[in-house]
Amino acid sequence: MSIVTRLHIDGGDLVVRLPWRWALAARRRTVRLPLKFVDEVRVEPHWWRALRPRPGRRYRFRPGRWCVGEIEHARGRDFVAVRTRGPVLVVSTSSRDAPYTRLILSTAAPEAEAIRLPRLIT
């Protein structure tokens, strides 16, 4: 079994459920993002292009394997839960009131999630 996140809609929130190993590293089991803030859902074919610099204090990684946690940058914070191989799902927000600017996630099928999520949001 590979380590990937699971996504579902709960009420008006997009809920990201982390695998237990990543949950320990991130010090949280789930991440919630209100759907009203979601602006764009896309797939980034190269995981490293989606990441921005300056990891925050709540960021953990294992070189060549995975990275999970918050990354701080000039526009705010991103939440990252990424395996260092394969494409990643990028959920972007449009509001400064959103808890995160982007969610960058490894999922079992990012292309399928990028098709499914916008349908659920609207």
PDB file of N, CA and C in Angstrom:
ATOM      1  N   MET A   1       0.842  -1.186   0.000  1.00  0.00           N
ATOM      2  CA  MET A   1       0.000   0.000   0.000  1.00  0.00           C
ATOM      3  C   MET A   1       0.883   1.244   0.000  1.00  0.00           C
ATOM      4  N   SER A   2       0.585   2.163  -0.883  1.00  0.00           N
ATOM      5  CA  SER A   2       1.370   3.387  -0.936  1.00  0.00           C
ATOM      6  C   SER A   2       0.765   4.441  -0.015  1.00  0.00           C
ATOM      7  N   ILE A   3       1.572   5.372   0.353  1.00  0.00           N
ATOM      8  CA  ILE A   3       1.129   6.448   1.238  1.00  0.00           C
ATOM      9  C   ILE A   3       0.572   7.573   0.382  1.00  0.00           C
ATOM     10  N   VAL A   4      -0.737   7.799   0.472  1.00  0.00           N
ATOM     11  CA  VAL A   4      -1.385   8.886  -0.250  1.00  0.00           C
ATOM     12  C   VAL A   4      -2.493   9.462   0.622  1.00  0.00           C
ATOM     13  N   THR A   5      -2.902  10.662   0.295  1.00  0.00           N
ATOM     14  CA  THR A   5      -3.992  11.309   1.020  1.00  0.00           C
ATOM     15  C   THR A   5      -5.322  10.889   0.421  1.00  0.00           C
ATOM     16  N   ARG A   6      -6.385  11.062   1.206  1.00  0.00           N
ATOM     17  CA  ARG A   6      -7.741  10.797   0.729  1.00  0.00           C
ATOM     18  C   ARG A   6      -8.549  12.073   0.877  1.00  0.00           C
ATOM     19  N   LEU A   7      -9.358  12.365  -0.124  1.00  0.00           N
ATOM     20  CA  LEU A   7     -10.162  13.579  -0.136  1.00  0.00           C
ATOM     21  C   LEU A   7     -11.637  13.230  -0.097  1.00  0.00           C
ATOM     22  N   HIS A   8     -12.407  14.030   0.636  1.00  0.00           N
ATOM     23  CA  HIS A   8     -13.859  13.927   0.573  1.00  0.00           C
ATOM     24  C   HIS A   8     -14.471  15.269   0.962  1.00  0.00           C
ATOM     25  N   ILE A   9     -15.748  15.421   0.632  1.00  0.00           N
ATOM     26  CA  ILE A   9     -16.486  16.639   0.947  1.00  0.00           C
ATOM     27  C   ILE A   9     -17.333  16.354   2.178  1.00  0.00           C
ATOM     28  N   ASP A  10     -17.219  17.219   3.175  1.00  0.00           N
ATOM     29  CA  ASP A  10     -18.003  17.093   4.403  1.00  0.00           C
ATOM     30  C   ASP A  10     -18.691  18.431   4.642  1.00  0.00           C
ATOM     31  N   GLY A  11     -19.993  18.471   4.399  1.00  0.00           N
ATOM     32  CA  GLY A  11     -20.707  19.742   4.523  1.00  0.00           C
ATOM     33  C   GLY A  11     -20.193  20.709   3.473  1.00  0.00           C
ATOM     34  N   GLY A  12     -19.676  21.820   3.910  1.00  0.00           N
ATOM     35  CA  GLY A  12     -19.134  22.813   2.998  1.00  0.00           C
ATOM     36  C   GLY A  12     -17.626  22.832   2.971  1.00  0.00           C
ATOM     37  N   ASP A  13     -16.980  21.749   3.404  1.00  0.00           N
ATOM     38  CA  ASP A  13     -15.516  21.702   3.481  1.00  0.00           C
ATOM     39  C   ASP A  13     -14.937  20.585   2.624  1.00  0.00           C
ATOM     40  N   LEU A  14     -13.779  20.870   2.052  1.00  0.00           N
ATOM     41  CA  LEU A  14     -12.959  19.834   1.444  1.00  0.00           C
ATOM     42  C   LEU A  14     -12.083  19.298   2.567  1.00  0.00           C
ATOM     43  N   VAL A  15     -12.175  18.010   2.818  1.00  0.00           N
ATOM     44  CA  VAL A  15     -11.428  17.401   3.914  1.00  0.00           C
ATOM     45  C   VAL A  15     -10.335  16.507   3.340  1.00  0.00           C
ATOM     46  N   VAL A  16      -9.106  16.736   3.780  1.00  0.00           N
ATOM     47  CA  VAL A  16      -7.957  15.936   3.385  1.00  0.00           C
ATOM     48  C   VAL A  16      -7.612  15.050   4.573  1.00  0.00           C
ATOM     49  N   ARG A  17      -7.658  13.755   4.365  1.00  0.00           N
ATOM     50  CA  ARG A  17      -7.321  12.813   5.432  1.00  0.00           C
ATOM     51  C   ARG A  17      -5.933  12.258   5.142  1.00  0.00           C
ATOM     52  N   LEU A  18      -5.034  12.439   6.104  1.00  0.00           N
ATOM     53  CA  LEU A  18      -3.652  12.009   5.934  1.00  0.00           C
ATOM     54  C   LEU A  18      -3.454  10.573   6.420  1.00  0.00           C
ATOM     55  N   PRO A  19      -2.567   9.818   5.775  1.00  0.00           N
ATOM     56  CA  PRO A  19      -2.210   8.504   6.297  1.00  0.00           C
ATOM     57  C   PRO A  19      -1.545   8.670   7.668  1.00  0.00           C
ATOM     58  N   TRP A  20      -1.588   7.653   8.481  1.00  0.00           N
ATOM     59  CA  TRP A  20      -1.140   7.795   9.873  1.00  0.00           C
ATOM     60  C   TRP A  20       0.317   8.235   9.996  1.00  0.00           C
ATOM     61  N   ARG A  21       1.179   7.800   9.102  1.00  0.00           N
ATOM     62  CA  ARG A  21       2.594   8.216   9.192  1.00  0.00           C
ATOM     63  C   ARG A  21       2.740   9.713   8.940  1.00  0.00           C
ATOM     64  N   TRP A  22       2.030  10.191   7.941  1.00  0.00           N
ATOM     65  CA  TRP A  22       2.082  11.623   7.649  1.00  0.00           C
ATOM     66  C   TRP A  22       1.354  12.422   8.713  1.00  0.00           C
ATOM     67  N   ALA A  23       0.303  11.851   9.269  1.00  0.00           N
ATOM     68  CA  ALA A  23      -0.424  12.526  10.349  1.00  0.00           C
ATOM     69  C   ALA A  23       0.498  12.742  11.554  1.00  0.00           C
ATOM     70  N   LEU A  24       1.326  11.774  11.856  1.00  0.00           N
ATOM     71  CA  LEU A  24       2.291  11.946  12.945  1.00  0.00           C
ATOM     72  C   LEU A  24       3.275  13.071  12.635  1.00  0.00           C
ATOM     73  N   ALA A  25       3.770  13.107  11.411  1.00  0.00           N
ATOM     74  CA  ALA A  25       4.737  14.145  11.023  1.00  0.00           C
ATOM     75  C   ALA A  25       4.094  15.528  11.012  1.00  0.00           C
ATOM     76  N   ALA A  26       2.855  15.626  10.524  1.00  0.00           N
ATOM     77  CA  ALA A  26       2.172  16.919  10.424  1.00  0.00           C
ATOM     78  C   ALA A  26       1.504  17.329  11.730  1.00  0.00           C
ATOM     79  N   ARG A  27       1.411  16.384  12.667  1.00  0.00           N
ATOM     80  CA  ARG A  27       0.756  16.598  13.961  1.00  0.00           C
ATOM     81  C   ARG A  27      -0.720  16.949  13.810  1.00  0.00           C
ATOM     82  N   ARG A  28      -1.341  16.354  12.795  1.00  0.00           N
ATOM     83  CA  ARG A  28      -2.780  16.487  12.585  1.00  0.00           C
ATOM     84  C   ARG A  28      -3.223  15.363  11.664  1.00  0.00           C
ATOM     85  N   ARG A  29      -4.451  14.921  11.824  1.00  0.00           N
ATOM     86  CA  ARG A  29      -4.976  13.820  11.024  1.00  0.00           C
ATOM     87  C   ARG A  29      -5.691  14.313   9.769  1.00  0.00           C
ATOM     88  N   THR A  30      -6.340  15.470   9.895  1.00  0.00           N
ATOM     89  CA  THR A  30      -7.091  15.999   8.762  1.00  0.00           C
ATOM     90  C   THR A  30      -6.782  17.477   8.558  1.00  0.00           C
ATOM     91  N   VAL A  31      -7.033  17.931   7.346  1.00  0.00           N
ATOM     92  CA  VAL A  31      -6.937  19.347   6.988  1.00  0.00           C
ATOM     93  C   VAL A  31      -8.258  19.702   6.320  1.00  0.00           C
ATOM     94  N   ARG A  32      -8.851  20.820   6.737  1.00  0.00           N
ATOM     95  CA  ARG A  32     -10.133  21.259   6.172  1.00  0.00           C
ATOM     96  C   ARG A  32      -9.955  22.584   5.442  1.00  0.00           C
ATOM     97  N   LEU A  33     -10.602  22.677   4.291  1.00  0.00           N
ATOM     98  CA  LEU A  33     -10.601  23.906   3.505  1.00  0.00           C
ATOM     99  C   LEU A  33     -12.037  24.165   3.060  1.00  0.00           C
ATOM    100  N   PRO A  34     -12.632  25.278   3.487  1.00  0.00           N
ATOM    101  CA  PRO A  34     -13.998  25.581   3.046  1.00  0.00           C
ATOM    102  C   PRO A  34     -14.070  25.673   1.516  1.00  0.00           C
ATOM    103  N   LEU A  35     -15.087  25.044   0.951  1.00  0.00           N
ATOM    104  CA  LEU A  35     -15.240  25.004  -0.505  1.00  0.00           C
ATOM    105  C   LEU A  35     -15.434  26.385  -1.118  1.00  0.00           C
ATOM    106  N   LYS A  36     -15.964  27.323  -0.350  1.00  0.00           N
ATOM    107  CA  LYS A  36     -16.187  28.665  -0.898  1.00  0.00           C
ATOM    108  C   LYS A  36     -14.885  29.357  -1.291  1.00  0.00           C
ATOM    109  N   PHE A  37     -13.754  28.888  -0.752  1.00  0.00           N
ATOM    110  CA  PHE A  37     -12.462  29.488  -1.064  1.00  0.00           C
ATOM    111  C   PHE A  37     -11.763  28.831  -2.257  1.00  0.00           C
ATOM    112  N   VAL A  38     -12.215  27.648  -2.681  1.00  0.00           N
ATOM    113  CA  VAL A  38     -11.538  26.917  -3.753  1.00  0.00           C
ATOM    114  C   VAL A  38     -11.744  27.646  -5.080  1.00  0.00           C
ATOM    115  N   ASP A  39     -10.633  27.941  -5.731  1.00  0.00           N
ATOM    116  CA  ASP A  39     -10.642  28.677  -6.989  1.00  0.00           C
ATOM    117  C   ASP A  39     -10.306  27.767  -8.175  1.00  0.00           C
ATOM    118  N   GLU A  40      -9.314  26.902  -7.997  1.00  0.00           N
ATOM    119  CA  GLU A  40      -8.827  26.080  -9.098  1.00  0.00           C
ATOM    120  C   GLU A  40      -8.368  24.731  -8.569  1.00  0.00           C
ATOM    121  N   VAL A  41      -8.615  23.695  -9.355  1.00  0.00           N
ATOM    122  CA  VAL A  41      -8.122  22.352  -9.069  1.00  0.00           C
ATOM    123  C   VAL A  41      -7.402  21.879 -10.322  1.00  0.00           C
ATOM    124  N   ARG A  42      -6.131  21.504 -10.166  1.00  0.00           N
ATOM    125  CA  ARG A  42      -5.351  21.081 -11.333  1.00  0.00           C
ATOM    126  C   ARG A  42      -4.340  20.019 -10.930  1.00  0.00           C
ATOM    127  N   VAL A  43      -3.744  19.403 -11.920  1.00  0.00           N
ATOM    128  CA  VAL A  43      -2.692  18.409 -11.698  1.00  0.00           C
ATOM    129  C   VAL A  43      -1.370  19.003 -12.150  1.00  0.00           C
ATOM    130  N   GLU A  44      -0.362  18.903 -11.280  1.00  0.00           N
ATOM    131  CA  GLU A  44       1.003  19.310 -11.634  1.00  0.00           C
ATOM    132  C   GLU A  44       1.788  18.025 -11.894  1.00  0.00           C
ATOM    133  N   PRO A  45       2.274  17.812 -13.122  1.00  0.00           N
ATOM    134  CA  PRO A  45       2.952  16.548 -13.439  1.00  0.00           C
ATOM    135  C   PRO A  45       4.255  16.328 -12.670  1.00  0.00           C
ATOM    136  N   HIS A  46       4.911  17.400 -12.259  1.00  0.00           N
ATOM    137  CA  HIS A  46       6.177  17.283 -11.524  1.00  0.00           C
ATOM    138  C   HIS A  46       5.989  17.860 -10.123  1.00  0.00           C
ATOM    139  N   TRP A  47       6.073  17.025  -9.104  1.00  0.00           N
ATOM    140  CA  TRP A  47       5.782  17.438  -7.727  1.00  0.00           C
ATOM    141  C   TRP A  47       6.635  18.615  -7.287  1.00  0.00           C
ATOM    142  N   TRP A  48       7.887  18.669  -7.673  1.00  0.00           N
ATOM    143  CA  TRP A  48       8.797  19.697  -7.188  1.00  0.00           C
ATOM    144  C   TRP A  48       8.466  21.078  -7.737  1.00  0.00           C
ATOM    145  N   ARG A  49       7.749  21.157  -8.865  1.00  0.00           N
ATOM    146  CA  ARG A  49       7.359  22.467  -9.404  1.00  0.00           C
ATOM    147  C   ARG A  49       6.260  23.122  -8.580  1.00  0.00           C
ATOM    148  N   ALA A  50       5.489  22.324  -7.872  1.00  0.00           N
ATOM    149  CA  ALA A  50       4.375  22.856  -7.089  1.00  0.00           C
ATOM    150  C   ALA A  50       4.833  23.448  -5.758  1.00  0.00           C
ATOM    151  N   LEU A  51       5.995  23.049  -5.269  1.00  0.00           N
ATOM    152  CA  LEU A  51       6.461  23.497  -3.954  1.00  0.00           C
ATOM    153  C   LEU A  51       7.104  24.864  -4.026  1.00  0.00           C
ATOM    154  N   ARG A  52       6.867  25.644  -2.997  1.00  0.00           N
ATOM    155  CA  ARG A  52       7.495  26.957  -2.862  1.00  0.00           C
ATOM    156  C   ARG A  52       8.531  26.877  -1.751  1.00  0.00           C
ATOM    157  N   PRO A  53       9.465  27.820  -1.683  1.00  0.00           N
ATOM    158  CA  PRO A  53      10.536  27.744  -0.687  1.00  0.00           C
ATOM    159  C   PRO A  53      10.097  28.082   0.742  1.00  0.00           C
ATOM    160  N   ARG A  54      11.027  27.991   1.647  1.00  0.00           N
ATOM    161  CA  ARG A  54      10.907  28.332   3.066  1.00  0.00           C
ATOM    162  C   ARG A  54       9.902  27.479   3.835  1.00  0.00           C
ATOM    163  N   PRO A  55      10.272  26.274   4.157  1.00  0.00           N
ATOM    164  CA  PRO A  55       9.386  25.448   4.975  1.00  0.00           C
ATOM    165  C   PRO A  55       9.128  26.106   6.325  1.00  0.00           C
ATOM    166  N   GLY A  56       7.925  25.958   6.837  1.00  0.00           N
ATOM    167  CA  GLY A  56       7.572  26.491   8.149  1.00  0.00           C
ATOM    168  C   GLY A  56       7.999  25.544   9.256  1.00  0.00           C
ATOM    169  N   ARG A  57       7.631  25.904  10.468  1.00  0.00           N
ATOM    170  CA  ARG A  57       8.004  25.068  11.610  1.00  0.00           C
ATOM    171  C   ARG A  57       7.263  23.743  11.624  1.00  0.00           C
ATOM    172  N   ARG A  58       6.130  23.679  10.994  1.00  0.00           N
ATOM    173  CA  ARG A  58       5.327  22.460  10.990  1.00  0.00           C
ATOM    174  C   ARG A  58       5.516  21.675   9.698  1.00  0.00           C
ATOM    175  N   TYR A  59       6.719  21.586   9.233  1.00  0.00           N
ATOM    176  CA  TYR A  59       7.037  20.925   7.972  1.00  0.00           C
ATOM    177  C   TYR A  59       8.047  19.825   8.250  1.00  0.00           C
ATOM    178  N   ARG A  60       7.767  18.627   7.774  1.00  0.00           N
ATOM    179  CA  ARG A  60       8.678  17.499   7.948  1.00  0.00           C
ATOM    180  C   ARG A  60       8.911  16.862   6.587  1.00  0.00           C
ATOM    181  N   PHE A  61      10.072  16.237   6.411  1.00  0.00           N
ATOM    182  CA  PHE A  61      10.359  15.581   5.143  1.00  0.00           C
ATOM    183  C   PHE A  61      11.330  14.436   5.358  1.00  0.00           C
ATOM    184  N   ARG A  62      11.345  13.573   4.399  1.00  0.00           N
ATOM    185  CA  ARG A  62      12.334  12.509   4.332  1.00  0.00           C
ATOM    186  C   ARG A  62      12.907  12.596   2.923  1.00  0.00           C
ATOM    187  N   PRO A  63      14.171  13.008   2.797  1.00  0.00           N
ATOM    188  CA  PRO A  63      14.752  13.260   1.477  1.00  0.00           C
ATOM    189  C   PRO A  63      14.544  12.087   0.516  1.00  0.00           C
ATOM    190  N   GLY A  64      14.073  12.413  -0.666  1.00  0.00           N
ATOM    191  CA  GLY A  64      13.857  11.406  -1.690  1.00  0.00           C
ATOM    192  C   GLY A  64      12.609  10.569  -1.487  1.00  0.00           C
ATOM    193  N   ARG A  65      11.827  10.856  -0.442  1.00  0.00           N
ATOM    194  CA  ARG A  65      10.652  10.045  -0.138  1.00  0.00           C
ATOM    195  C   ARG A  65       9.357  10.858  -0.106  1.00  0.00           C
ATOM    196  N   TRP A  66       9.248  11.794   0.857  1.00  0.00           N
ATOM    197  CA  TRP A  66       8.008  12.539   1.060  1.00  0.00           C
ATOM    198  C   TRP A  66       8.277  13.840   1.787  1.00  0.00           C
ATOM    199  N   CYS A  67       7.296  14.728   1.729  1.00  0.00           N
ATOM    200  CA  CYS A  67       7.316  15.940   2.540  1.00  0.00           C
ATOM    201  C   CYS A  67       5.871  16.254   2.922  1.00  0.00           C
ATOM    202  N   VAL A  68       5.693  16.734   4.146  1.00  0.00           N
ATOM    203  CA  VAL A  68       4.355  17.008   4.661  1.00  0.00           C
ATOM    204  C   VAL A  68       4.425  18.169   5.638  1.00  0.00           C
ATOM    205  N   GLY A  69       3.425  19.041   5.587  1.00  0.00           N
ATOM    206  CA  GLY A  69       3.355  20.161   6.517  1.00  0.00           C
ATOM    207  C   GLY A  69       3.052  21.469   5.812  1.00  0.00           C
ATOM    208  N   GLU A  70       3.366  22.552   6.493  1.00  0.00           N
ATOM    209  CA  GLU A  70       3.079  23.885   5.972  1.00  0.00           C
ATOM    210  C   GLU A  70       4.332  24.524   5.402  1.00  0.00           C
ATOM    211  N   ILE A  71       4.165  25.179   4.280  1.00  0.00           N
ATOM    212  CA  ILE A  71       5.251  25.937   3.665  1.00  0.00           C
ATOM    213  C   ILE A  71       4.803  27.391   3.621  1.00  0.00           C
ATOM    214  N   GLU A  72       5.619  28.280   4.157  1.00  0.00           N
ATOM    215  CA  GLU A  72       5.309  29.708   4.203  1.00  0.00           C
ATOM    216  C   GLU A  72       5.953  30.416   3.018  1.00  0.00           C
ATOM    217  N   HIS A  73       5.243  31.388   2.467  1.00  0.00           N
ATOM    218  CA  HIS A  73       5.765  32.174   1.355  1.00  0.00           C
ATOM    219  C   HIS A  73       5.122  33.551   1.392  1.00  0.00           C
ATOM    220  N   ALA A  74       5.465  34.402   0.444  1.00  0.00           N
ATOM    221  CA  ALA A  74       5.011  35.797   0.460  1.00  0.00           C
ATOM    222  C   ALA A  74       3.492  35.932   0.395  1.00  0.00           C
ATOM    223  N   ARG A  75       2.798  35.014  -0.279  1.00  0.00           N
ATOM    224  CA  ARG A  75       1.344  35.108  -0.413  1.00  0.00           C
ATOM    225  C   ARG A  75       0.580  34.410   0.704  1.00  0.00           C
ATOM    226  N   GLY A  76       1.261  33.718   1.600  1.00  0.00           N
ATOM    227  CA  GLY A  76       0.574  33.030   2.698  1.00  0.00           C
ATOM    228  C   GLY A  76       1.210  31.699   3.035  1.00  0.00           C
ATOM    229  N   ARG A  77       0.357  30.671   3.198  1.00  0.00           N
ATOM    230  CA  ARG A  77       0.836  29.332   3.558  1.00  0.00           C
ATOM    231  C   ARG A  77       0.231  28.301   2.617  1.00  0.00           C
ATOM    232  N   ASP A  78       1.027  27.287   2.303  1.00  0.00           N
ATOM    233  CA  ASP A  78       0.550  26.125   1.558  1.00  0.00           C
ATOM    234  C   ASP A  78       0.588  24.938   2.506  1.00  0.00           C
ATOM    235  N   PHE A  79      -0.350  24.013   2.342  1.00  0.00           N
ATOM    236  CA  PHE A  79      -0.245  22.742   3.047  1.00  0.00           C
ATOM    237  C   PHE A  79       0.166  21.699   2.028  1.00  0.00           C
ATOM    238  N   VAL A  80       1.204  20.942   2.367  1.00  0.00           N
ATOM    239  CA  VAL A  80       1.807  19.984   1.450  1.00  0.00           C
ATOM    240  C   VAL A  80       1.767  18.591   2.069  1.00  0.00           C
ATOM    241  N   ALA A  81       1.356  17.612   1.287  1.00  0.00           N
ATOM    242  CA  ALA A  81       1.449  16.198   1.643  1.00  0.00           C
ATOM    243  C   ALA A  81       1.777  15.465   0.348  1.00  0.00           C
ATOM    244  N   VAL A  82       3.089  15.287   0.093  1.00  0.00           N
ATOM    245  CA  VAL A  82       3.558  14.875  -1.225  1.00  0.00           C
ATOM    246  C   VAL A  82       4.559  13.729  -1.127  1.00  0.00           C
ATOM    247  N   ARG A  83       4.369  12.737  -1.997  1.00  0.00           N
ATOM    248  CA  ARG A  83       5.408  11.742  -2.245  1.00  0.00           C
ATOM    249  C   ARG A  83       6.326  12.325  -3.303  1.00  0.00           C
ATOM    250  N   THR A  84       7.589  12.028  -3.238  1.00  0.00           N
ATOM    251  CA  THR A  84       8.526  12.624  -4.192  1.00  0.00           C
ATOM    252  C   THR A  84       8.633  11.793  -5.471  1.00  0.00           C
ATOM    253  N   ARG A  85       7.491  11.441  -6.014  1.00  0.00           N
ATOM    254  CA  ARG A  85       7.411  10.820  -7.334  1.00  0.00           C
ATOM    255  C   ARG A  85       5.990  10.967  -7.828  1.00  0.00           C
ATOM    256  N   GLY A  86       5.875  11.121  -9.111  1.00  0.00           N
ATOM    257  CA  GLY A  86       4.558  11.198  -9.713  1.00  0.00           C
ATOM    258  C   GLY A  86       3.925  12.570  -9.647  1.00  0.00           C
ATOM    259  N   PRO A  87       2.774  12.700 -10.298  1.00  0.00           N
ATOM    260  CA  PRO A  87       2.059  13.974 -10.316  1.00  0.00           C
ATOM    261  C   PRO A  87       1.364  14.253  -8.990  1.00  0.00           C
ATOM    262  N   VAL A  88       1.041  15.528  -8.755  1.00  0.00           N
ATOM    263  CA  VAL A  88       0.341  15.929  -7.527  1.00  0.00           C
ATOM    264  C   VAL A  88      -0.888  16.751  -7.879  1.00  0.00           C
ATOM    265  N   LEU A  89      -1.851  16.743  -6.984  1.00  0.00           N
ATOM    266  CA  LEU A  89      -3.061  17.537  -7.112  1.00  0.00           C
ATOM    267  C   LEU A  89      -2.815  18.873  -6.427  1.00  0.00           C
ATOM    268  N   VAL A  90      -3.154  19.966  -7.106  1.00  0.00           N
ATOM    269  CA  VAL A  90      -2.988  21.302  -6.547  1.00  0.00           C
ATOM    270  C   VAL A  90      -4.365  21.962  -6.469  1.00  0.00           C
ATOM    271  N   VAL A  91      -4.766  22.311  -5.242  1.00  0.00           N
ATOM    272  CA  VAL A  91      -6.031  23.011  -5.017  1.00  0.00           C
ATOM    273  C   VAL A  91      -5.679  24.430  -4.612  1.00  0.00           C
ATOM    274  N   SER A  92      -6.019  25.408  -5.446  1.00  0.00           N
ATOM    275  CA  SER A  92      -5.685  26.813  -5.191  1.00  0.00           C
ATOM    276  C   SER A  92      -6.900  27.555  -4.653  1.00  0.00           C
ATOM    277  N   THR A  93      -6.636  28.553  -3.812  1.00  0.00           N
ATOM    278  CA  THR A  93      -7.711  29.379  -3.260  1.00  0.00           C
ATOM    279  C   THR A  93      -7.594  30.794  -3.805  1.00  0.00           C
ATOM    280  N   SER A  94      -8.691  31.528  -3.699  1.00  0.00           N
ATOM    281  CA  SER A  94      -8.718  32.873  -4.276  1.00  0.00           C
ATOM    282  C   SER A  94      -8.826  33.974  -3.234  1.00  0.00           C
ATOM    283  N   SER A  95      -8.989  33.634  -1.975  1.00  0.00           N
ATOM    284  CA  SER A  95      -9.242  34.632  -0.940  1.00  0.00           C
ATOM    285  C   SER A  95      -8.114  34.682   0.077  1.00  0.00           C
ATOM    286  N   ARG A  96      -7.866  35.853   0.593  1.00  0.00           N
ATOM    287  CA  ARG A  96      -6.881  36.000   1.669  1.00  0.00           C
ATOM    288  C   ARG A  96      -7.406  35.443   2.995  1.00  0.00           C
ATOM    289  N   ASP A  97      -8.726  35.257   3.092  1.00  0.00           N
ATOM    290  CA  ASP A  97      -9.327  34.713   4.306  1.00  0.00           C
ATOM    291  C   ASP A  97      -9.200  33.194   4.399  1.00  0.00           C
ATOM    292  N   ALA A  98      -8.791  32.545   3.309  1.00  0.00           N
ATOM    293  CA  ALA A  98      -8.643  31.090   3.307  1.00  0.00           C
ATOM    294  C   ALA A  98      -7.504  30.682   4.234  1.00  0.00           C
ATOM    295  N   PRO A  99      -7.631  29.541   4.904  1.00  0.00           N
ATOM    296  CA  PRO A  99      -6.558  29.100   5.800  1.00  0.00           C
ATOM    297  C   PRO A  99      -5.261  28.772   5.060  1.00  0.00           C
ATOM    298  N   TYR A 100      -5.368  28.357   3.805  1.00  0.00           N
ATOM    299  CA  TYR A 100      -4.188  28.036   2.994  1.00  0.00           C
ATOM    300  C   TYR A 100      -4.346  28.646   1.609  1.00  0.00           C
ATOM    301  N   THR A 101      -3.227  29.036   1.015  1.00  0.00           N
ATOM    302  CA  THR A 101      -3.224  29.528  -0.353  1.00  0.00           C
ATOM    303  C   THR A 101      -3.395  28.369  -1.323  1.00  0.00           C
ATOM    304  N   ARG A 102      -2.709  27.262  -1.029  1.00  0.00           N
ATOM    305  CA  ARG A 102      -2.818  26.065  -1.865  1.00  0.00           C
ATOM    306  C   ARG A 102      -2.702  24.809  -1.013  1.00  0.00           C
ATOM    307  N   LEU A 103      -3.341  23.747  -1.475  1.00  0.00           N
ATOM    308  CA  LEU A 103      -3.119  22.408  -0.955  1.00  0.00           C
ATOM    309  C   LEU A 103      -2.405  21.653  -2.061  1.00  0.00           C
ATOM    310  N   ILE A 104      -1.277  21.041  -1.741  1.00  0.00           N
ATOM    311  CA  ILE A 104      -0.508  20.277  -2.716  1.00  0.00           C
ATOM    312  C   ILE A 104      -0.465  18.853  -2.195  1.00  0.00           C
ATOM    313  N   LEU A 105      -1.091  17.923  -2.916  1.00  0.00           N
ATOM    314  CA  LEU A 105      -1.358  16.603  -2.367  1.00  0.00           C
ATOM    315  C   LEU A 105      -1.029  15.476  -3.330  1.00  0.00           C
ATOM    316  N   SER A 106      -0.474  14.410  -2.784  1.00  0.00           N
ATOM    317  CA  SER A 106      -0.348  13.163  -3.536  1.00  0.00           C
ATOM    318  C   SER A 106      -1.599  12.348  -3.254  1.00  0.00           C
ATOM    319  N   THR A 107      -2.293  11.974  -4.306  1.00  0.00           N
ATOM    320  CA  THR A 107      -3.472  11.132  -4.185  1.00  0.00           C
ATOM    321  C   THR A 107      -3.265   9.898  -5.054  1.00  0.00           C
ATOM    322  N   ALA A 108      -4.125   8.911  -4.881  1.00  0.00           N
ATOM    323  CA  ALA A 108      -3.995   7.684  -5.665  1.00  0.00           C
ATOM    324  C   ALA A 108      -4.167   7.961  -7.158  1.00  0.00           C
ATOM    325  N   ALA A 109      -5.088   8.860  -7.510  1.00  0.00           N
ATOM    326  CA  ALA A 109      -5.344   9.200  -8.914  1.00  0.00           C
ATOM    327  C   ALA A 109      -5.591  10.704  -9.023  1.00  0.00           C
ATOM    328  N   PRO A 110      -4.529  11.511  -9.091  1.00  0.00           N
ATOM    329  CA  PRO A 110      -4.721  12.963  -9.115  1.00  0.00           C
ATOM    330  C   PRO A 110      -5.533  13.460 -10.310  1.00  0.00           C
ATOM    331  N   GLU A 111      -5.378  12.815 -11.470  1.00  0.00           N
ATOM    332  CA  GLU A 111      -6.139  13.242 -12.646  1.00  0.00           C
ATOM    333  C   GLU A 111      -7.636  13.044 -12.423  1.00  0.00           C
ATOM    334  N   ALA A 112      -8.014  11.922 -11.835  1.00  0.00           N
ATOM    335  CA  ALA A 112      -9.422  11.650 -11.555  1.00  0.00           C
ATOM    336  C   ALA A 112      -9.967  12.615 -10.505  1.00  0.00           C
ATOM    337  N   GLU A 113      -9.173  12.939  -9.496  1.00  0.00           N
ATOM    338  CA  GLU A 113      -9.592  13.899  -8.469  1.00  0.00           C
ATOM    339  C   GLU A 113      -9.774  15.290  -9.061  1.00  0.00           C
ATOM    340  N   ALA A 114      -8.901  15.658 -10.001  1.00  0.00           N
ATOM    341  CA  ALA A 114      -9.006  16.983 -10.636  1.00  0.00           C
ATOM    342  C   ALA A 114     -10.276  17.098 -11.467  1.00  0.00           C
ATOM    343  N   ILE A 115     -10.807  15.994 -11.936  1.00  0.00           N
ATOM    344  CA  ILE A 115     -12.076  16.002 -12.669  1.00  0.00           C
ATOM    345  C   ILE A 115     -13.251  15.956 -11.690  1.00  0.00           C
ATOM    346  N   ARG A 116     -13.129  15.140 -10.650  1.00  0.00           N
ATOM    347  CA  ARG A 116     -14.220  14.915  -9.703  1.00  0.00           C
ATOM    348  C   ARG A 116     -14.496  16.129  -8.810  1.00  0.00           C
ATOM    349  N   LEU A 117     -13.468  16.758  -8.273  1.00  0.00           N
ATOM    350  CA  LEU A 117     -13.662  17.842  -7.298  1.00  0.00           C
ATOM    351  C   LEU A 117     -14.425  19.038  -7.834  1.00  0.00           C
ATOM    352  N   PRO A 118     -14.102  19.585  -8.998  1.00  0.00           N
ATOM    353  CA  PRO A 118     -14.886  20.732  -9.468  1.00  0.00           C
ATOM    354  C   PRO A 118     -16.381  20.423  -9.642  1.00  0.00           C
ATOM    355  N   ARG A 119     -16.702  19.199  -9.992  1.00  0.00           N
ATOM    356  CA  ARG A 119     -18.097  18.793 -10.116  1.00  0.00           C
ATOM    357  C   ARG A 119     -18.806  18.817  -8.758  1.00  0.00           C
ATOM    358  N   LEU A 120     -18.085  18.442  -7.706  1.00  0.00           N
ATOM    359  CA  LEU A 120     -18.666  18.423  -6.365  1.00  0.00           C
ATOM    360  C   LEU A 120     -18.777  19.812  -5.772  1.00  0.00           C
ATOM    361  N   ILE A 121     -17.892  20.698  -6.182  1.00  0.00           N
ATOM    362  CA  ILE A 121     -17.865  22.054  -5.615  1.00  0.00           C
ATOM    363  C   ILE A 121     -19.005  22.901  -6.154  1.00  0.00           C
ATOM    364  N   THR A 122     -19.314  22.770  -7.443  1.00  0.00           N
ATOM    365  CA  THR A 122     -20.363  23.609  -8.028  1.00  0.00           C
ATOM    366  C   THR A 122     -21.743  23.024  -7.863  1.00  0.00           C
TER     367      THR A 122
END
